Amino acid sequence: MTTKVPEALRPYLKKRWLWTVSCVAAAVLLFTVAWNVECEKPVALRELPVRAQEFLSEHYPGEMPALAIRELDDLRITYEVTFRDGTNVKFRRNGQWQKIDSRVRPVPGAVVPPQIKSYAEYTFPGMEITEIEHEGGYYEVELANHVELTFDDKRFALRDYDD
């Protein structure tokens, strides 16, 4: 059974359909633009999350960062702190470290999980960890000889080896 639309309402149905399609297209366009917006803004150290400030004072005592940036990328807020020697520490919005990249000095030993530390020391004696990233269920570690190791963050089992 079909319902017949009166002739007087037919022009309005076409306009309503056009209006609906236009609204959906505008919403998709706005969401796409918002998703791709990147924004970086220098911030003072006191504007970092408390947890990030505590991390820096514990693992990099007495060192003054050269730059701290608040980033908005893919609708996520992160903070990146750069020291004078080029060491970068990236923090999540809550102040938890996400990535430490240091080419000049090793990553602070207290940051590296003991299982990963002992594996790296046993398998690659004398090689220091120069980069560590904790993201999405894994730890990715780079050694001074540019070997990259990927570990599961639950059992700390080696998942990938890239030289």
N, C-alpha and C. Protein backbone atom coordinates (compact mmCIF):
# COMPACT_ATOMS: atom_id res chain seq x y z
N MET A 1 0.84 -1.17 0.00
CA MET A 1 0.00 0.00 0.00
C MET A 1 0.89 1.24 0.00
N THR A 2 0.69 2.09 -0.92
CA THR A 2 1.47 3.33 -1.00
C THR A 2 0.59 4.51 -0.65
N THR A 3 1.23 5.50 -0.07
CA THR A 3 0.50 6.70 0.29
C THR A 3 0.71 7.72 -0.81
N LYS A 4 -0.36 8.32 -1.23
CA LYS A 4 -0.28 9.32 -2.28
C LYS A 4 -0.10 10.70 -1.65
N VAL A 5 0.91 11.41 -2.13
CA VAL A 5 1.18 12.75 -1.63
C VAL A 5 0.33 13.73 -2.44
N PRO A 6 -0.39 14.63 -1.78
CA PRO A 6 -1.19 15.61 -2.50
C PRO A 6 -0.32 16.49 -3.39
N GLU A 7 -0.86 16.89 -4.48
CA GLU A 7 -0.13 17.73 -5.46
C GLU A 7 0.38 19.03 -4.85
N ALA A 8 -0.32 19.57 -3.90
CA ALA A 8 0.08 20.84 -3.28
C ALA A 8 1.37 20.70 -2.46
N LEU A 9 1.68 19.49 -1.97
CA LEU A 9 2.87 19.29 -1.12
C LEU A 9 4.09 18.81 -1.90
N ARG A 10 3.96 18.42 -3.13
CA ARG A 10 5.09 17.88 -3.90
C ARG A 10 6.27 18.86 -4.03
N PRO A 11 6.10 20.11 -4.29
CA PRO A 11 7.27 21.01 -4.38
C PRO A 11 8.04 21.09 -3.05
N TYR A 12 7.35 20.96 -1.93
CA TYR A 12 8.02 21.04 -0.64
C TYR A 12 8.84 19.79 -0.35
N LEU A 13 8.41 18.64 -0.86
CA LEU A 13 9.17 17.40 -0.67
C LEU A 13 10.53 17.49 -1.35
N LYS A 14 10.58 18.07 -2.52
CA LYS A 14 11.86 18.23 -3.22
C LYS A 14 12.79 19.16 -2.45
N LYS A 15 12.21 20.22 -1.92
CA LYS A 15 13.03 21.16 -1.15
C LYS A 15 13.53 20.51 0.15
N ARG A 16 12.68 19.72 0.76
CA ARG A 16 13.07 19.06 2.00
C ARG A 16 14.22 18.09 1.75
N TRP A 17 14.15 17.33 0.67
CA TRP A 17 15.21 16.39 0.32
C TRP A 17 16.52 17.14 0.06
N LEU A 18 16.45 18.23 -0.67
CA LEU A 18 17.62 19.05 -0.96
C LEU A 18 18.22 19.62 0.33
N TRP A 19 17.34 20.07 1.22
CA TRP A 19 17.79 20.60 2.51
C TRP A 19 18.50 19.52 3.33
N THR A 20 17.97 18.32 3.38
CA THR A 20 18.56 17.22 4.12
C THR A 20 19.93 16.84 3.55
N VAL A 21 20.02 16.70 2.26
CA VAL A 21 21.29 16.36 1.62
C VAL A 21 22.33 17.46 1.86
N SER A 22 21.92 18.70 1.79
CA SER A 22 22.83 19.83 2.03
C SER A 22 23.36 19.82 3.47
N CYS A 23 22.48 19.55 4.43
CA CYS A 23 22.90 19.51 5.84
C CYS A 23 23.89 18.38 6.09
N VAL A 24 23.62 17.22 5.54
CA VAL A 24 24.54 16.09 5.71
C VAL A 24 25.89 16.39 5.07
N ALA A 25 25.90 16.95 3.88
CA ALA A 25 27.15 17.29 3.19
C ALA A 25 27.94 18.32 3.99
N ALA A 26 27.26 19.33 4.54
CA ALA A 26 27.94 20.35 5.34
C ALA A 26 28.52 19.74 6.61
N ALA A 27 27.79 18.83 7.25
CA ALA A 27 28.30 18.18 8.47
C ALA A 27 29.53 17.34 8.16
N VAL A 28 29.50 16.60 7.06
CA VAL A 28 30.66 15.79 6.66
C VAL A 28 31.86 16.68 6.37
N LEU A 29 31.64 17.77 5.68
CA LEU A 29 32.72 18.70 5.37
C LEU A 29 33.32 19.30 6.63
N LEU A 30 32.48 19.75 7.55
CA LEU A 30 32.97 20.33 8.80
C LEU A 30 33.75 19.30 9.63
N PHE A 31 33.25 18.08 9.71
CA PHE A 31 33.95 17.04 10.46
C PHE A 31 35.30 16.73 9.82
N THR A 32 35.36 16.67 8.50
CA THR A 32 36.62 16.41 7.81
C THR A 32 37.63 17.51 8.07
N VAL A 33 37.20 18.74 8.01
CA VAL A 33 38.09 19.87 8.28
C VAL A 33 38.57 19.84 9.72
N ALA A 34 37.66 19.60 10.66
CA ALA A 34 38.03 19.56 12.08
C ALA A 34 39.00 18.42 12.35
N TRP A 35 38.82 17.29 11.70
CA TRP A 35 39.69 16.13 11.92
C TRP A 35 41.11 16.42 11.45
N ASN A 36 41.26 17.22 10.41
CA ASN A 36 42.58 17.48 9.84
C ASN A 36 43.23 18.76 10.38
N VAL A 37 42.61 19.41 11.31
CA VAL A 37 43.18 20.63 11.87
C VAL A 37 44.36 20.27 12.78
N GLU A 38 45.45 20.94 12.57
CA GLU A 38 46.61 20.80 13.43
C GLU A 38 46.93 22.18 13.99
N CYS A 39 47.20 22.20 15.26
CA CYS A 39 47.46 23.47 15.89
C CYS A 39 48.57 23.28 16.91
N GLU A 40 49.59 24.08 16.83
CA GLU A 40 50.69 24.04 17.79
C GLU A 40 50.81 25.40 18.46
N LYS A 41 51.03 25.36 19.76
CA LYS A 41 51.13 26.60 20.51
C LYS A 41 52.19 26.44 21.60
N PRO A 42 53.19 27.31 21.62
CA PRO A 42 54.17 27.24 22.71
C PRO A 42 53.48 27.54 24.05
N VAL A 43 53.89 26.81 25.08
CA VAL A 43 53.32 27.01 26.41
C VAL A 43 54.44 27.09 27.44
N ALA A 44 54.15 27.69 28.56
CA ALA A 44 55.09 27.74 29.67
C ALA A 44 55.08 26.38 30.38
N LEU A 45 56.16 26.05 31.06
CA LEU A 45 56.25 24.76 31.75
C LEU A 45 55.14 24.59 32.78
N ARG A 46 54.73 25.67 33.40
CA ARG A 46 53.69 25.57 34.42
C ARG A 46 52.32 25.22 33.80
N GLU A 47 52.19 25.35 32.48
CA GLU A 47 50.95 25.01 31.79
C GLU A 47 50.88 23.54 31.39
N LEU A 48 51.98 22.81 31.57
CA LEU A 48 51.96 21.38 31.31
C LEU A 48 51.13 20.68 32.38
N PRO A 49 50.58 19.51 32.10
CA PRO A 49 49.88 18.77 33.14
C PRO A 49 50.81 18.47 34.32
N VAL A 50 50.28 18.41 35.51
CA VAL A 50 51.07 18.20 36.72
C VAL A 50 51.92 16.94 36.61
N ARG A 51 51.33 15.89 36.08
CA ARG A 51 52.06 14.63 35.94
C ARG A 51 53.29 14.79 35.04
N ALA A 52 53.18 15.57 33.98
CA ALA A 52 54.30 15.83 33.08
C ALA A 52 55.38 16.66 33.78
N GLN A 53 54.96 17.65 34.56
CA GLN A 53 55.92 18.45 35.31
C GLN A 53 56.69 17.59 36.30
N GLU A 54 55.99 16.69 36.98
CA GLU A 54 56.65 15.79 37.94
C GLU A 54 57.62 14.86 37.23
N PHE A 55 57.25 14.36 36.05
CA PHE A 55 58.11 13.48 35.27
C PHE A 55 59.41 14.20 34.90
N LEU A 56 59.28 15.43 34.42
CA LEU A 56 60.47 16.19 34.02
C LEU A 56 61.37 16.49 35.21
N SER A 57 60.80 16.85 36.34
CA SER A 57 61.64 17.17 37.51
C SER A 57 62.30 15.91 38.08
N GLU A 58 61.66 14.75 37.91
CA GLU A 58 62.23 13.50 38.42
C GLU A 58 63.32 12.95 37.50
N HIS A 59 63.09 12.95 36.20
CA HIS A 59 64.00 12.30 35.26
C HIS A 59 64.98 13.26 34.57
N TYR A 60 64.71 14.53 34.60
CA TYR A 60 65.59 15.53 34.01
C TYR A 60 65.79 16.67 35.01
N PRO A 61 66.31 16.35 36.20
CA PRO A 61 66.43 17.39 37.24
C PRO A 61 67.46 18.46 36.85
N GLY A 62 67.12 19.68 37.15
CA GLY A 62 68.04 20.79 36.93
C GLY A 62 68.17 21.21 35.48
N GLU A 63 67.50 20.55 34.58
CA GLU A 63 67.59 20.92 33.16
C GLU A 63 66.38 21.75 32.78
N MET A 64 66.64 22.80 32.08
CA MET A 64 65.56 23.69 31.65
C MET A 64 65.23 23.39 30.18
N PRO A 65 64.01 23.00 29.87
CA PRO A 65 63.64 22.75 28.48
C PRO A 65 63.76 24.01 27.64
N ALA A 66 64.13 23.83 26.39
CA ALA A 66 64.23 24.95 25.46
C ALA A 66 62.86 25.36 24.94
N LEU A 67 61.95 24.38 24.82
CA LEU A 67 60.65 24.67 24.24
C LEU A 67 59.62 23.65 24.72
N ALA A 68 58.44 24.11 25.01
CA ALA A 68 57.30 23.25 25.33
C ALA A 68 56.15 23.65 24.41
N ILE A 69 55.56 22.67 23.76
CA ILE A 69 54.50 22.93 22.78
C ILE A 69 53.26 22.12 23.13
N ARG A 70 52.13 22.77 23.01
CA ARG A 70 50.83 22.08 23.13
C ARG A 70 50.34 21.87 21.72
N GLU A 71 50.06 20.61 21.36
CA GLU A 71 49.64 20.29 20.00
C GLU A 71 48.21 19.76 19.99
N LEU A 72 47.45 20.17 19.00
CA LEU A 72 46.14 19.61 18.73
C LEU A 72 46.23 18.97 17.36
N ASP A 73 46.15 17.64 17.33
CA ASP A 73 46.29 16.90 16.09
C ASP A 73 45.32 15.73 16.12
N ASP A 74 44.53 15.58 15.09
CA ASP A 74 43.51 14.53 15.02
C ASP A 74 42.59 14.57 16.23
N LEU A 75 42.22 15.76 16.64
CA LEU A 75 41.31 16.00 17.77
C LEU A 75 41.87 15.48 19.09
N ARG A 76 43.20 15.31 19.19
CA ARG A 76 43.85 14.90 20.43
C ARG A 76 44.85 15.98 20.85
N ILE A 77 44.90 16.23 22.15
CA ILE A 77 45.86 17.19 22.69
C ILE A 77 47.05 16.43 23.23
N THR A 78 48.25 16.86 22.82
CA THR A 78 49.49 16.31 23.35
C THR A 78 50.43 17.47 23.65
N TYR A 79 51.45 17.17 24.43
CA TYR A 79 52.47 18.17 24.76
C TYR A 79 53.82 17.60 24.37
N GLU A 80 54.67 18.45 23.80
CA GLU A 80 56.01 18.02 23.44
C GLU A 80 57.02 18.98 24.04
N VAL A 81 57.98 18.43 24.77
CA VAL A 81 59.00 19.22 25.44
C VAL A 81 60.34 18.89 24.79
N THR A 82 61.07 19.93 24.38
CA THR A 82 62.37 19.76 23.74
C THR A 82 63.45 20.41 24.61
N PHE A 83 64.52 19.65 24.84
CA PHE A 83 65.66 20.17 25.60
C PHE A 83 66.72 20.70 24.66
N ARG A 84 67.70 21.40 25.19
CA ARG A 84 68.74 22.04 24.38
C ARG A 84 69.58 21.04 23.59
N ASP A 85 69.73 19.82 24.11
CA ASP A 85 70.54 18.82 23.40
C ASP A 85 69.75 18.06 22.35
N GLY A 86 68.48 18.42 22.15
CA GLY A 86 67.65 17.79 21.13
C GLY A 86 66.75 16.68 21.65
N THR A 87 66.82 16.38 22.93
CA THR A 87 65.95 15.36 23.51
C THR A 87 64.51 15.84 23.48
N ASN A 88 63.60 14.98 22.99
CA ASN A 88 62.18 15.30 22.93
C ASN A 88 61.41 14.34 23.82
N VAL A 89 60.49 14.88 24.59
CA VAL A 89 59.60 14.06 25.41
C VAL A 89 58.17 14.47 25.04
N LYS A 90 57.39 13.48 24.62
CA LYS A 90 56.00 13.74 24.23
C LYS A 90 55.08 13.16 25.30
N PHE A 91 54.11 13.98 25.71
CA PHE A 91 53.16 13.60 26.75
C PHE A 91 51.74 13.58 26.20
N ARG A 92 50.94 12.69 26.77
CA ARG A 92 49.52 12.68 26.46
C ARG A 92 48.84 13.83 27.21
N ARG A 93 47.59 14.00 26.96
CA ARG A 93 46.82 15.08 27.59
C ARG A 93 46.85 15.00 29.11
N ASN A 94 46.88 13.78 29.68
CA ASN A 94 46.86 13.60 31.13
C ASN A 94 48.25 13.71 31.76
N GLY A 95 49.29 13.90 30.96
CA GLY A 95 50.64 14.05 31.48
C GLY A 95 51.46 12.77 31.46
N GLN A 96 50.89 11.67 31.05
CA GLN A 96 51.62 10.40 30.92
C GLN A 96 52.55 10.50 29.71
N TRP A 97 53.81 10.07 29.87
CA TRP A 97 54.73 10.15 28.74
C TRP A 97 54.28 9.19 27.64
N GLN A 98 54.50 9.58 26.41
CA GLN A 98 54.13 8.76 25.26
C GLN A 98 55.37 8.36 24.47
N LYS A 99 56.31 9.30 24.34
CA LYS A 99 57.50 9.01 23.55
C LYS A 99 58.67 9.83 24.09
N ILE A 100 59.83 9.19 24.16
CA ILE A 100 61.07 9.88 24.54
C ILE A 100 62.07 9.59 23.44
N ASP A 101 62.62 10.63 22.85
CA ASP A 101 63.58 10.49 21.75
C ASP A 101 64.82 11.29 22.10
N SER A 102 65.93 10.57 22.27
CA SER A 102 67.17 11.22 22.67
C SER A 102 68.32 10.61 21.89
N ARG A 103 68.94 11.36 21.04
CA ARG A 103 70.08 10.86 20.25
C ARG A 103 71.41 11.07 20.97
N VAL A 104 71.47 11.99 21.91
CA VAL A 104 72.73 12.33 22.57
C VAL A 104 72.97 11.50 23.82
N ARG A 105 71.93 11.24 24.56
CA ARG A 105 72.06 10.49 25.82
C ARG A 105 71.01 9.39 25.87
N PRO A 106 71.22 8.40 26.71
CA PRO A 106 70.23 7.32 26.78
C PRO A 106 68.94 7.78 27.45
N VAL A 107 67.87 7.05 27.18
CA VAL A 107 66.59 7.29 27.83
C VAL A 107 66.77 6.96 29.31
N PRO A 108 66.22 7.74 30.23
CA PRO A 108 66.35 7.43 31.66
C PRO A 108 65.93 5.99 31.95
N GLY A 109 66.79 5.27 32.67
CA GLY A 109 66.56 3.85 32.93
C GLY A 109 65.28 3.57 33.70
N ALA A 110 64.86 4.47 34.55
CA ALA A 110 63.65 4.25 35.35
C ALA A 110 62.38 4.26 34.49
N VAL A 111 62.45 4.80 33.30
CA VAL A 111 61.29 4.88 32.42
C VAL A 111 61.08 3.56 31.68
N VAL A 112 62.16 2.87 31.37
CA VAL A 112 62.10 1.64 30.59
C VAL A 112 61.64 0.49 31.50
N PRO A 113 60.61 -0.25 31.10
CA PRO A 113 60.19 -1.41 31.90
C PRO A 113 61.35 -2.39 32.09
N PRO A 114 61.49 -2.98 33.29
CA PRO A 114 62.65 -3.84 33.58
C PRO A 114 62.79 -5.02 32.62
N GLN A 115 61.70 -5.59 32.14
CA GLN A 115 61.79 -6.72 31.22
C GLN A 115 62.44 -6.30 29.90
N ILE A 116 62.08 -5.13 29.41
CA ILE A 116 62.66 -4.63 28.17
C ILE A 116 64.12 -4.27 28.38
N LYS A 117 64.40 -3.64 29.49
CA LYS A 117 65.77 -3.25 29.82
C LYS A 117 66.69 -4.47 29.88
N SER A 118 66.26 -5.52 30.58
CA SER A 118 67.10 -6.72 30.71
C SER A 118 67.26 -7.43 29.37
N TYR A 119 66.23 -7.47 28.55
CA TYR A 119 66.33 -8.08 27.23
C TYR A 119 67.35 -7.33 26.37
N ALA A 120 67.26 -6.01 26.37
CA ALA A 120 68.18 -5.20 25.56
C ALA A 120 69.61 -5.35 26.05
N GLU A 121 69.82 -5.36 27.36
CA GLU A 121 71.17 -5.50 27.91
C GLU A 121 71.76 -6.87 27.61
N TYR A 122 70.94 -7.92 27.67
CA TYR A 122 71.42 -9.28 27.43
C TYR A 122 71.69 -9.53 25.94
N THR A 123 70.76 -9.08 25.08
CA THR A 123 70.87 -9.35 23.65
C THR A 123 71.82 -8.40 22.94
N PHE A 124 71.87 -7.17 23.38
CA PHE A 124 72.73 -6.15 22.75
C PHE A 124 73.59 -5.50 23.82
N PRO A 125 74.60 -6.19 24.33
CA PRO A 125 75.40 -5.63 25.42
C PRO A 125 76.11 -4.33 25.00
N GLY A 126 76.06 -3.35 25.89
CA GLY A 126 76.72 -2.07 25.65
C GLY A 126 75.91 -1.09 24.82
N MET A 127 74.79 -1.51 24.28
CA MET A 127 73.95 -0.60 23.48
C MET A 127 72.93 0.08 24.39
N GLU A 128 72.87 1.38 24.29
CA GLU A 128 71.93 2.15 25.11
C GLU A 128 70.61 2.34 24.37
N ILE A 129 69.55 2.49 25.11
CA ILE A 129 68.23 2.77 24.52
C ILE A 129 68.15 4.28 24.31
N THR A 130 67.97 4.68 23.05
CA THR A 130 67.94 6.11 22.72
C THR A 130 66.53 6.62 22.42
N GLU A 131 65.59 5.70 22.25
CA GLU A 131 64.21 6.12 21.97
C GLU A 131 63.26 5.05 22.49
N ILE A 132 62.17 5.50 23.08
CA ILE A 132 61.12 4.58 23.53
C ILE A 132 59.77 5.24 23.30
N GLU A 133 58.82 4.43 22.84
CA GLU A 133 57.46 4.92 22.61
C GLU A 133 56.48 3.89 23.15
N HIS A 134 55.48 4.36 23.87
CA HIS A 134 54.43 3.49 24.38
C HIS A 134 53.13 3.92 23.74
N GLU A 135 52.60 3.05 22.88
CA GLU A 135 51.40 3.42 22.12
C GLU A 135 50.61 2.18 21.79
N GLY A 136 49.33 2.21 22.01
CA GLY A 136 48.40 1.19 21.54
C GLY A 136 48.76 -0.25 21.83
N GLY A 137 49.16 -0.57 23.04
CA GLY A 137 49.40 -1.95 23.40
C GLY A 137 50.81 -2.45 23.14
N TYR A 138 51.72 -1.58 22.80
CA TYR A 138 53.09 -2.02 22.56
C TYR A 138 54.09 -0.94 22.99
N TYR A 139 55.32 -1.39 23.21
CA TYR A 139 56.46 -0.50 23.42
C TYR A 139 57.37 -0.67 22.21
N GLU A 140 57.79 0.45 21.64
CA GLU A 140 58.78 0.40 20.57
C GLU A 140 60.05 1.07 21.09
N VAL A 141 61.15 0.36 20.98
CA VAL A 141 62.43 0.81 21.53
C VAL A 141 63.45 0.87 20.41
N GLU A 142 64.24 1.93 20.38
CA GLU A 142 65.35 2.02 19.43
C GLU A 142 66.65 2.09 20.21
N LEU A 143 67.62 1.30 19.79
CA LEU A 143 68.92 1.27 20.44
C LEU A 143 69.89 2.21 19.73
N ALA A 144 71.05 2.42 20.33
CA ALA A 144 72.05 3.33 19.76
C ALA A 144 72.54 2.88 18.38
N ASN A 145 72.47 1.57 18.11
CA ASN A 145 72.90 1.06 16.80
C ASN A 145 71.75 1.04 15.78
N HIS A 146 70.66 1.74 16.10
CA HIS A 146 69.48 1.93 15.24
C HIS A 146 68.64 0.67 15.06
N VAL A 147 68.83 -0.33 15.91
CA VAL A 147 67.97 -1.51 15.90
C VAL A 147 66.68 -1.14 16.63
N GLU A 148 65.54 -1.48 16.02
CA GLU A 148 64.24 -1.20 16.63
C GLU A 148 63.61 -2.50 17.09
N LEU A 149 63.15 -2.49 18.34
CA LEU A 149 62.51 -3.65 18.93
C LEU A 149 61.10 -3.26 19.35
N THR A 150 60.14 -4.12 19.09
CA THR A 150 58.76 -3.87 19.49
C THR A 150 58.33 -4.96 20.45
N PHE A 151 57.78 -4.54 21.60
CA PHE A 151 57.37 -5.45 22.65
C PHE A 151 55.88 -5.28 22.95
N ASP A 152 55.23 -6.36 23.27
CA ASP A 152 53.86 -6.34 23.77
C ASP A 152 53.88 -5.70 25.15
N ASP A 153 52.92 -4.86 25.48
CA ASP A 153 52.98 -4.19 26.79
C ASP A 153 52.33 -4.99 27.91
N LYS A 154 51.81 -6.18 27.63
CA LYS A 154 51.24 -7.03 28.69
C LYS A 154 52.26 -8.06 29.18
N ARG A 155 52.81 -8.83 28.23
CA ARG A 155 53.77 -9.88 28.60
C ARG A 155 55.21 -9.50 28.29
N PHE A 156 55.40 -8.37 27.63
CA PHE A 156 56.72 -7.88 27.21
C PHE A 156 57.42 -8.89 26.32
N ALA A 157 56.65 -9.58 25.48
CA ALA A 157 57.21 -10.49 24.50
C ALA A 157 57.62 -9.69 23.28
N LEU A 158 58.74 -10.07 22.68
CA LEU A 158 59.24 -9.41 21.48
C LEU A 158 58.29 -9.70 20.33
N ARG A 159 57.77 -8.65 19.69
CA ARG A 159 56.84 -8.80 18.57
C ARG A 159 57.49 -8.52 17.24
N ASP A 160 58.50 -7.66 17.22
CA ASP A 160 59.12 -7.28 15.95
C ASP A 160 60.56 -6.85 16.20
N TYR A 161 61.39 -7.15 15.22
CA TYR A 161 62.81 -6.78 15.27
C TYR A 161 63.13 -6.15 13.93
N ASP A 162 63.64 -4.94 13.94
CA ASP A 162 63.95 -4.23 12.70
C ASP A 162 65.34 -3.62 12.83
N ASP A 163 66.23 -4.05 11.94
CA ASP A 163 67.59 -3.50 11.99
C ASP A 163 67.82 -2.62 10.84
